[in-house]
């Protein structure tokens, strides 16, 4: 195979299956507490913030075939937007699989449905979380989500710490 020369079209991106985001964290909280933080709408409102937005409300029908909807607001602009999806798998307290459909986005970003899997491994008084988001249309779309998820997981750690202190 030869390298492209001037005038050749760029090589197409690999299939969507190749654009996977995977994040792993250990939380100083039991798995049951971390599971509750992911599955209780009031808890999600308290910690789920991808950085530049605040989550204002969460609707959640936690069963396979059920759905969810996050209402988010960007404080700097006042813009309100939504993320929704379908719950695909629920295995308390270890696994949650859902589609992810943003309803509004930053200029220039790509909107598409992706698949998010949250897996929790029991470590006694701690919990290992693996978050996988797949089926991105491009590396750029995947990378755009990385920062948001990393910030969310930082917020989750702070929420769990506060919950355990008050608990």
Foldseek 3Di string as FASTA:
>chain_A
DDDDDPPDDDDDDPAQQVQKDKDKDKAQAFLQLLQCCVQPFVSCQQQQWLPQKHFDGKDDDPDAQTKMKTWIARVVVRDIWMWMWGWHDDDPPFKTKIKIFTPDDDPPADTDIWMWMWGWDGDDSMIMIMIMITRDPDNVNSVVCVSSVVRSVVSSNVSRVVVVVVD
